[in-house]
Amino acid sequence: MAKKYNIAVIPGDGIGPEITSAAIEVLEAAAKSKEIEIVARELKAGGEAVDQFGIPLPQETISAAKDSDAVLLGAVGGPKWDNVDPEVRPEKALLGLRSGLGLYANIRPVKVYDELKAASPLKNPGNIDFVIVRELTGGIYFGKIGSYQSGDRLSDGTVKGKVAYDTESYSEGEINRILKIAFELAMTRRKKLTLVDKANVLLTSRMWRRLASQMAYDYPEVEFDCLYVDNAAMQIISRPSTFDVIVTSNLFGDILSDEAGQIAGSIGMLPSASLGAAGTPGMYEPIHGSAPDLAGQNKANPLACILSAAMMMRMQFGEEEIASDIENAVKKTLESGLRTSDITFVGEGTNIKLVGTKEITQAVIENL
């Protein structure tokens, strides 16, 4: 083999082991034809790690992830761990991986396949293919928090009582590095970038807008515009096909990416990537949860995880041909009429066949 990529695989909980196994199987098949070796090392994190080690993210996992070329994550969490100490909840593993690997940019593509348009809640979804770039390690989720007892009174005389606060904070460096990723991504696509902010109210948003407007001069080929977040939430529904790349803060990106995910027809079709500085391993994962009710039943949809592996090959390793091969194989599989339960819908043609995780994975491999 001419090249070798070391992948840290973190299956996690629920359907995580099934979908990551499917993704690696497809990845190995796609890479083999190009004489590339995929070396996958399985690591523990999430609820499984809590049960085994008492913590959601063992040091061995974060160390091995740092030493890998890239990380493939399934999903973590589930109702089994709802009542554990908040400090050891499975979801803490995600924050630990992001901070430990220095992952500050979340890339979430939103695409509606022709074969699944009828499953979209939009009446006429059109040709939807855009990407949300979300800042991942700053903003209100990481700002100063606290509470205090206030003796002040409201206008009607009521005592204010306890006051809680969460602070939105961004530095120019944090904003510039995510803007650069967004502009560079737009250059590889349809050369259009939309900044989503709340610059009419928030000082941090005004900084985002100022820095983005300045950086736009370095990318004259990119059509740049800005939208307030409330307006953007409406526009993503009313004219989704007009967007190309959207860049926004942590909080706004968290909300808008979930909204946008719904228009694709199933959350089981959406991949994502979390990236840091050049040369460091990124983390690639489907955006859905662990779906413990489907675990171990050969019912999970592995396509989002398979597409996340395709993103890994493109964005981490520059293997455009392998990434395209995987994406085309997924499309051919949908065109053939194969569906998992989450992507079946009333009104489809008679050639539709409901299959399980293993069957649809094998179909993708055959369509490579």
Protein backbone atom coordinates (compact mmCIF):
# COMPACT_ATOMS: atom_id res chain seq x y z
CA MET A 1 0.00 0.00 0.00
CA ALA A 2 1.34 3.43 -0.99
CA LYS A 3 -0.27 5.34 1.90
CA LYS A 4 -1.67 4.57 5.33
CA TYR A 5 -4.15 6.52 7.46
CA ASN A 6 -4.54 5.84 11.18
CA ILE A 7 -8.13 6.40 12.26
CA ALA A 8 -9.20 6.57 15.91
CA VAL A 9 -12.70 5.08 16.00
CA ILE A 10 -14.88 6.00 18.98
CA PRO A 11 -18.10 3.96 18.59
CA GLY A 12 -19.73 5.33 21.74
CA ASP A 13 -23.18 4.23 22.78
CA GLY A 14 -26.47 2.98 21.34
CA ILE A 15 -26.21 2.55 17.58
CA GLY A 16 -22.69 4.01 17.57
CA PRO A 17 -20.85 0.69 17.25
CA GLU A 18 -23.03 -0.41 14.33
CA ILE A 19 -22.74 2.77 12.27
CA THR A 20 -19.00 3.28 12.84
CA SER A 21 -18.39 -0.34 11.88
CA ALA A 22 -20.37 0.25 8.68
CA ALA A 23 -18.45 3.44 7.90
CA ILE A 24 -15.05 1.79 8.36
CA GLU A 25 -16.13 -1.14 6.19
CA VAL A 26 -17.08 1.26 3.37
CA LEU A 27 -13.96 3.35 3.90
CA GLU A 28 -11.68 0.32 3.70
CA ALA A 29 -13.36 -0.87 0.50
CA ALA A 30 -13.11 2.56 -1.13
CA ALA A 31 -9.48 3.09 -0.08
CA LYS A 32 -8.29 -0.37 -1.08
CA SER A 33 -8.89 0.30 -4.78
CA LYS A 34 -6.57 3.32 -4.48
CA GLU A 35 -3.90 1.30 -2.66
CA ILE A 36 -4.50 3.16 0.60
CA GLU A 37 -4.50 1.31 3.91
CA ILE A 38 -6.99 2.26 6.62
CA VAL A 39 -5.80 1.33 10.13
CA ALA A 40 -8.68 1.68 12.58
CA ARG A 41 -8.13 1.67 16.35
CA GLU A 42 -11.20 1.48 18.56
CA LEU A 43 -11.31 3.71 21.66
CA LYS A 44 -13.72 4.09 24.58
CA ALA A 45 -15.73 7.23 25.36
CA GLY A 46 -19.23 8.18 26.46
CA GLY A 47 -21.56 6.01 28.51
CA GLU A 48 -19.56 2.87 27.78
CA ALA A 49 -16.51 4.52 29.34
CA VAL A 50 -18.56 5.70 32.32
CA ASP A 51 -19.66 2.11 32.97
CA GLN A 52 -16.16 0.71 32.57
CA PHE A 53 -13.93 3.45 34.01
CA GLY A 54 -16.27 5.78 35.90
CA ILE A 55 -15.43 8.71 33.58
CA PRO A 56 -16.71 9.59 30.09
CA LEU A 57 -13.31 10.30 28.51
CA PRO A 58 -10.30 8.24 29.66
CA GLN A 59 -6.88 9.80 29.21
CA GLU A 60 -5.88 6.88 26.97
CA THR A 61 -8.66 7.83 24.57
CA ILE A 62 -7.72 11.49 24.26
CA SER A 63 -4.01 10.61 23.96
CA ALA A 64 -4.65 8.04 21.23
CA ALA A 65 -6.98 10.44 19.42
CA LYS A 66 -4.24 13.10 19.40
CA ASP A 67 -1.79 10.57 17.94
CA SER A 68 -4.18 9.54 15.15
CA ASP A 69 -4.59 11.08 11.71
CA ALA A 70 -8.34 11.59 12.24
CA VAL A 71 -11.18 10.59 14.58
CA LEU A 72 -14.45 8.91 13.59
CA LEU A 73 -17.14 9.21 16.28
CA GLY A 74 -20.46 7.38 16.47
CA ALA A 75 -22.71 8.83 19.18
CA VAL A 76 -22.67 9.11 22.97
CA GLY A 77 -25.27 9.18 25.71
CA GLY A 78 -28.70 7.75 26.35
CA PRO A 79 -31.35 7.53 29.06
CA LYS A 80 -29.33 4.87 30.90
CA TRP A 81 -27.04 7.65 32.16
CA ASP A 82 -29.66 10.36 32.80
CA ASN A 83 -29.22 10.18 36.57
CA VAL A 84 -25.43 10.04 36.85
CA ASP A 85 -23.43 12.95 38.28
CA PRO A 86 -23.49 15.85 35.77
CA GLU A 87 -19.69 15.90 35.75
CA VAL A 88 -19.52 12.35 34.39
CA ARG A 89 -22.39 12.42 31.93
CA PRO A 90 -21.46 10.73 28.61
CA GLU A 91 -21.90 14.02 26.73
CA LYS A 92 -18.91 15.43 28.62
CA ALA A 93 -16.78 13.26 26.33
CA LEU A 94 -17.72 15.47 23.38
CA LEU A 95 -16.56 18.63 25.13
CA GLY A 96 -13.39 16.90 26.23
CA LEU A 97 -12.58 15.70 22.73
CA ARG A 98 -13.25 19.11 21.20
CA SER A 99 -11.10 20.95 23.72
CA GLY A 100 -8.41 18.26 23.86
CA LEU A 101 -8.02 18.19 20.08
CA GLY A 102 -8.43 21.96 19.69
CA LEU A 103 -11.46 21.63 17.42
CA TYR A 104 -12.96 25.08 16.91
CA ALA A 105 -14.84 24.77 13.60
CA ASN A 106 -17.90 22.59 13.06
CA ILE A 107 -18.71 21.97 9.39
CA ARG A 108 -22.22 20.69 8.75
CA PRO A 109 -23.36 20.15 5.14
CA VAL A 110 -27.10 20.18 4.45
CA LYS A 111 -28.10 18.36 1.28
CA VAL A 112 -31.44 17.03 0.11
CA TYR A 113 -31.05 14.05 -2.20
CA ASP A 114 -33.48 13.99 -5.12
CA GLU A 115 -34.69 10.57 -3.98
CA LEU A 116 -35.62 11.95 -0.53
CA LYS A 117 -37.20 15.29 -1.46
CA ALA A 118 -40.67 13.98 -0.70
CA ALA A 119 -39.52 13.23 2.84
CA SER A 120 -38.58 16.87 3.43
CA PRO A 121 -41.14 18.91 5.39
CA LEU A 122 -40.79 21.61 2.72
CA LYS A 123 -43.34 21.42 -0.10
CA ASN A 124 -40.89 22.35 -2.85
CA PRO A 125 -37.38 21.98 -1.39
CA GLY A 126 -35.58 22.63 -4.67
CA ASN A 127 -31.86 21.98 -5.06
CA ILE A 128 -30.68 22.32 -1.46
CA ASP A 129 -26.93 22.01 -0.95
CA PHE A 130 -25.33 24.35 1.59
CA VAL A 131 -22.92 24.19 4.52
CA ILE A 132 -23.12 25.72 7.99
CA VAL A 133 -19.76 26.63 9.55
CA ARG A 134 -20.22 26.99 13.31
CA GLU A 135 -17.65 28.36 15.76
CA LEU A 136 -17.27 25.61 18.33
CA THR A 137 -15.18 26.67 21.34
CA GLY A 138 -16.15 30.26 22.14
CA GLY A 139 -19.17 32.42 22.76
CA ILE A 140 -21.83 32.15 25.42
CA TYR A 141 -21.24 28.42 26.03
CA PHE A 142 -17.71 29.18 27.21
CA GLY A 143 -18.13 32.67 28.69
CA LYS A 144 -18.28 33.77 32.28
CA ILE A 145 -21.31 32.45 34.16
CA GLY A 146 -22.69 33.04 37.62
CA SER A 147 -25.58 34.10 39.83
CA TYR A 148 -26.18 36.49 42.70
CA GLN A 149 -28.93 37.63 45.00
CA SER A 150 -30.29 41.02 44.03
CA GLY A 151 -32.05 43.30 46.46
CA ASP A 152 -33.31 45.52 43.65
CA ARG A 153 -36.99 45.78 42.83
CA LEU A 154 -38.86 45.67 39.54
CA SER A 155 -41.09 48.54 38.43
CA ASP A 156 -44.11 46.96 40.14
CA GLY A 157 -42.26 46.66 43.45
CA THR A 158 -41.47 42.94 43.17
CA VAL A 159 -38.06 41.97 44.56
CA LYS A 160 -35.78 40.73 41.76
CA GLY A 161 -34.40 37.87 43.85
CA LYS A 162 -31.73 35.61 42.37
CA VAL A 163 -30.14 36.71 39.08
CA ALA A 164 -28.25 34.35 36.73
CA TYR A 165 -26.01 35.37 33.86
CA ASP A 166 -24.12 33.80 30.93
CA THR A 167 -21.63 35.99 29.09
CA GLU A 168 -21.06 36.06 25.33
CA SER A 169 -17.38 36.70 24.67
CA TYR A 170 -15.29 36.49 21.49
CA SER A 171 -11.78 37.58 20.59
CA GLU A 172 -10.68 38.78 17.15
CA GLY A 173 -8.46 35.72 16.87
CA GLU A 174 -11.32 33.30 17.52
CA ILE A 175 -13.50 35.03 14.95
CA ASN A 176 -10.85 35.42 12.25
CA ARG A 177 -9.81 31.78 12.26
CA ILE A 178 -13.39 30.53 11.74
CA LEU A 179 -14.06 33.20 9.09
CA LYS A 180 -10.99 32.06 7.17
CA ILE A 181 -12.26 28.47 7.10
CA ALA A 182 -15.64 29.71 5.85
CA PHE A 183 -14.19 31.90 3.10
CA GLU A 184 -11.83 29.14 1.97
CA LEU A 185 -14.71 26.66 1.89
CA ALA A 186 -16.83 29.05 -0.15
CA MET A 187 -13.98 29.29 -2.68
CA THR A 188 -14.25 25.52 -3.28
CA ARG A 189 -18.03 25.68 -3.76
CA ARG A 190 -20.31 28.29 -5.38
CA LYS A 191 -18.37 31.26 -3.96
CA LYS A 192 -21.11 32.69 -1.76
CA LEU A 193 -20.81 33.30 2.00
CA THR A 194 -23.47 34.51 4.44
CA LEU A 195 -22.60 35.72 7.93
CA VAL A 196 -25.41 35.20 10.44
CA ASP A 197 -25.31 37.48 13.48
CA LYS A 198 -27.35 39.86 15.64
CA ALA A 199 -25.32 42.99 14.95
CA ASN A 200 -28.28 45.30 15.59
CA VAL A 201 -28.20 44.26 19.27
CA LEU A 202 -24.97 42.47 20.24
CA LEU A 203 -21.51 44.01 20.45
CA THR A 204 -19.90 40.63 19.73
CA SER A 205 -21.95 40.36 16.54
CA ARG A 206 -20.77 43.79 15.44
CA MET A 207 -17.21 42.56 15.83
CA TRP A 208 -18.05 39.47 13.73
CA ARG A 209 -19.52 41.69 11.02
CA ARG A 210 -16.59 44.12 11.02
CA LEU A 211 -13.97 41.37 10.77
CA ALA A 212 -15.90 39.46 8.11
CA SER A 213 -16.32 42.59 6.00
CA GLN A 214 -12.59 43.23 6.24
CA MET A 215 -11.69 39.67 5.29
CA ALA A 216 -14.06 39.78 2.33
CA TYR A 217 -11.57 42.09 0.58
CA ASP A 218 -9.10 39.18 0.53
CA TYR A 219 -11.66 37.03 -1.30
CA PRO A 220 -13.03 39.25 -4.11
CA GLU A 221 -14.49 36.23 -5.91
CA VAL A 222 -16.75 35.40 -2.96
CA GLU A 223 -20.16 37.09 -2.82
CA PHE A 224 -20.50 38.10 0.82
CA ASP A 225 -23.63 39.17 2.70
CA CYS A 226 -25.00 39.30 6.25
CA LEU A 227 -28.30 38.27 7.85
CA TYR A 228 -29.66 38.77 11.35
CA VAL A 229 -30.19 35.39 12.97
CA ASP A 230 -33.97 35.70 13.31
CA ASN A 231 -34.28 36.58 9.63
CA ALA A 232 -31.85 33.77 8.71
CA ALA A 233 -34.02 31.25 10.55
CA MET A 234 -36.91 32.23 8.27
CA GLN A 235 -34.84 32.41 5.10
CA ILE A 236 -33.38 28.90 5.58
CA ILE A 237 -36.95 27.62 5.35
CA SER A 238 -38.30 29.96 2.67
CA ARG A 239 -35.32 29.95 0.26
CA PRO A 240 -32.85 27.22 1.31
CA SER A 241 -31.60 26.58 -2.22
CA THR A 242 -30.07 30.09 -2.41
CA PHE A 243 -27.54 29.49 0.39
CA ASP A 244 -24.03 28.18 -0.19
CA VAL A 245 -21.90 28.64 2.97
CA ILE A 246 -23.23 30.08 6.24
CA VAL A 247 -20.82 31.10 9.01
CA THR A 248 -21.94 31.98 12.51
CA SER A 249 -21.24 31.89 16.24
CA ASN A 250 -21.49 28.91 18.58
CA LEU A 251 -24.99 29.57 19.91
CA PHE A 252 -26.54 30.61 16.59
CA GLY A 253 -24.84 27.74 14.76
CA ASP A 254 -26.10 25.22 17.30
CA ILE A 255 -29.70 26.28 16.71
CA LEU A 256 -29.63 26.91 12.95
CA SER A 257 -27.81 23.69 12.07
CA ASP A 258 -30.49 21.63 13.80
CA GLU A 259 -33.21 23.62 12.04
CA ALA A 260 -31.49 23.11 8.69
CA GLY A 261 -31.03 19.42 9.40
CA GLN A 262 -34.76 18.87 9.44
CA ILE A 263 -35.26 19.99 5.85
CA ALA A 264 -33.14 17.08 4.59
CA GLY A 265 -35.91 14.60 5.36
CA SER A 266 -34.01 12.62 7.98
CA ILE A 267 -31.34 13.46 10.51
CA GLY A 268 -29.90 10.05 9.64
CA MET A 269 -28.51 11.48 6.38
CA LEU A 270 -26.41 14.34 7.75
CA PRO A 271 -22.65 14.13 8.41
CA SER A 272 -20.38 16.66 10.09
CA ALA A 273 -16.75 17.52 10.72
CA SER A 274 -15.09 19.33 13.61
CA LEU A 275 -11.73 20.84 12.68
CA GLY A 276 -8.83 22.58 14.37
CA ALA A 277 -5.47 23.91 13.26
CA ALA A 278 -3.91 22.54 10.09
CA GLY A 279 -2.09 19.28 10.67
CA THR A 280 -4.12 18.25 13.71
CA PRO A 281 -6.68 15.39 13.64
CA GLY A 282 -10.25 16.44 12.99
CA MET A 283 -13.30 14.61 14.34
CA TYR A 284 -15.98 13.34 11.94
CA GLU A 285 -19.41 12.24 13.11
CA PRO A 286 -23.08 11.99 12.13
CA ILE A 287 -25.20 14.70 13.71
CA HIS A 288 -27.82 12.31 15.12
CA GLY A 289 -27.88 10.82 18.60
CA SER A 290 -27.28 7.33 19.94
CA ALA A 291 -30.87 6.06 19.35
CA PRO A 292 -30.63 3.32 22.02
CA ASP A 293 -34.09 2.04 21.08
CA LEU A 294 -32.63 0.85 17.75
CA ALA A 295 -29.33 -0.49 19.07
CA GLY A 296 -28.40 -4.07 18.18
CA GLN A 297 -31.43 -4.60 15.93
CA ASN A 298 -29.88 -3.98 12.49
CA LYS A 299 -32.24 -0.99 12.05
CA ALA A 300 -29.91 2.01 12.29
CA ASN A 301 -29.22 4.19 9.26
CA PRO A 302 -25.42 4.23 8.77
CA LEU A 303 -25.42 6.65 5.82
CA ALA A 304 -24.66 9.80 7.83
CA CYS A 305 -21.66 8.09 9.41
CA ILE A 306 -20.55 6.78 6.00
CA LEU A 307 -20.84 10.29 4.59
CA SER A 308 -18.85 11.59 7.57
CA ALA A 309 -16.08 9.18 6.54
CA ALA A 310 -16.24 10.68 3.06
CA MET A 311 -15.83 14.16 4.58
CA MET A 312 -12.80 12.85 6.44
CA MET A 313 -11.15 11.68 3.25
CA ARG A 314 -11.75 15.01 1.54
CA MET A 315 -11.12 17.51 4.32
CA GLN A 316 -8.47 15.70 6.36
CA PHE A 317 -6.48 13.90 3.70
CA GLY A 318 -7.33 15.63 0.41
CA GLU A 319 -8.54 12.33 -1.07
CA GLU A 320 -11.21 13.89 -3.27
CA GLU A 321 -11.63 10.82 -5.49
CA ILE A 322 -12.34 8.47 -2.58
CA ALA A 323 -14.74 10.98 -1.01
CA SER A 324 -16.63 11.36 -4.29
CA ASP A 325 -16.71 7.58 -4.79
CA ILE A 326 -18.37 7.11 -1.40
CA GLU A 327 -20.88 9.93 -1.93
CA ASN A 328 -21.80 8.63 -5.39
CA ALA A 329 -22.22 5.12 -3.99
CA VAL A 330 -24.65 6.44 -1.36
CA LYS A 331 -26.62 8.23 -4.07
CA LYS A 332 -26.75 5.08 -6.24
CA THR A 333 -27.96 3.09 -3.25
CA LEU A 334 -30.83 5.53 -2.70
CA GLU A 335 -31.60 5.52 -6.43
CA SER A 336 -31.91 1.72 -6.30
CA GLY A 337 -34.78 2.09 -3.84
CA LEU A 338 -33.10 0.76 -0.70
CA ARG A 339 -34.19 2.50 2.48
CA THR A 340 -33.75 2.20 6.23
CA SER A 341 -36.84 2.87 8.34
CA ASP A 342 -36.02 6.55 8.99
CA ILE A 343 -35.94 7.43 5.27
CA THR A 344 -39.12 5.69 4.14
CA PHE A 345 -42.18 7.84 3.55
CA VAL A 346 -45.71 7.65 2.19
CA GLY A 347 -46.02 8.15 -1.56
CA GLU A 348 -42.78 6.55 -2.70
CA GLY A 349 -42.72 4.30 -5.75
CA THR A 350 -43.15 0.55 -5.78
CA ASN A 351 -39.43 -0.17 -6.14
CA ILE A 352 -38.73 0.83 -2.52
CA LYS A 353 -37.29 -1.89 -0.28
CA LEU A 354 -36.84 -1.56 3.47
CA VAL A 355 -33.48 -2.99 4.60
CA GLY A 356 -31.28 -3.02 7.67
CA THR A 357 -27.94 -1.51 8.60
CA LYS A 358 -25.85 -4.38 7.23
CA GLU A 359 -27.77 -4.65 3.96
CA ILE A 360 -27.61 -0.96 3.07
CA THR A 361 -23.92 -0.87 3.98
CA GLN A 362 -23.21 -3.78 1.65
CA ALA A 363 -25.17 -2.04 -1.10
CA VAL A 364 -23.01 1.07 -0.73
CA ILE A 365 -19.88 -1.09 -1.03
CA GLU A 366 -21.23 -2.78 -4.15
CA ASN A 367 -21.99 0.64 -5.65
CA LEU A 368 -18.49 2.01 -5.12
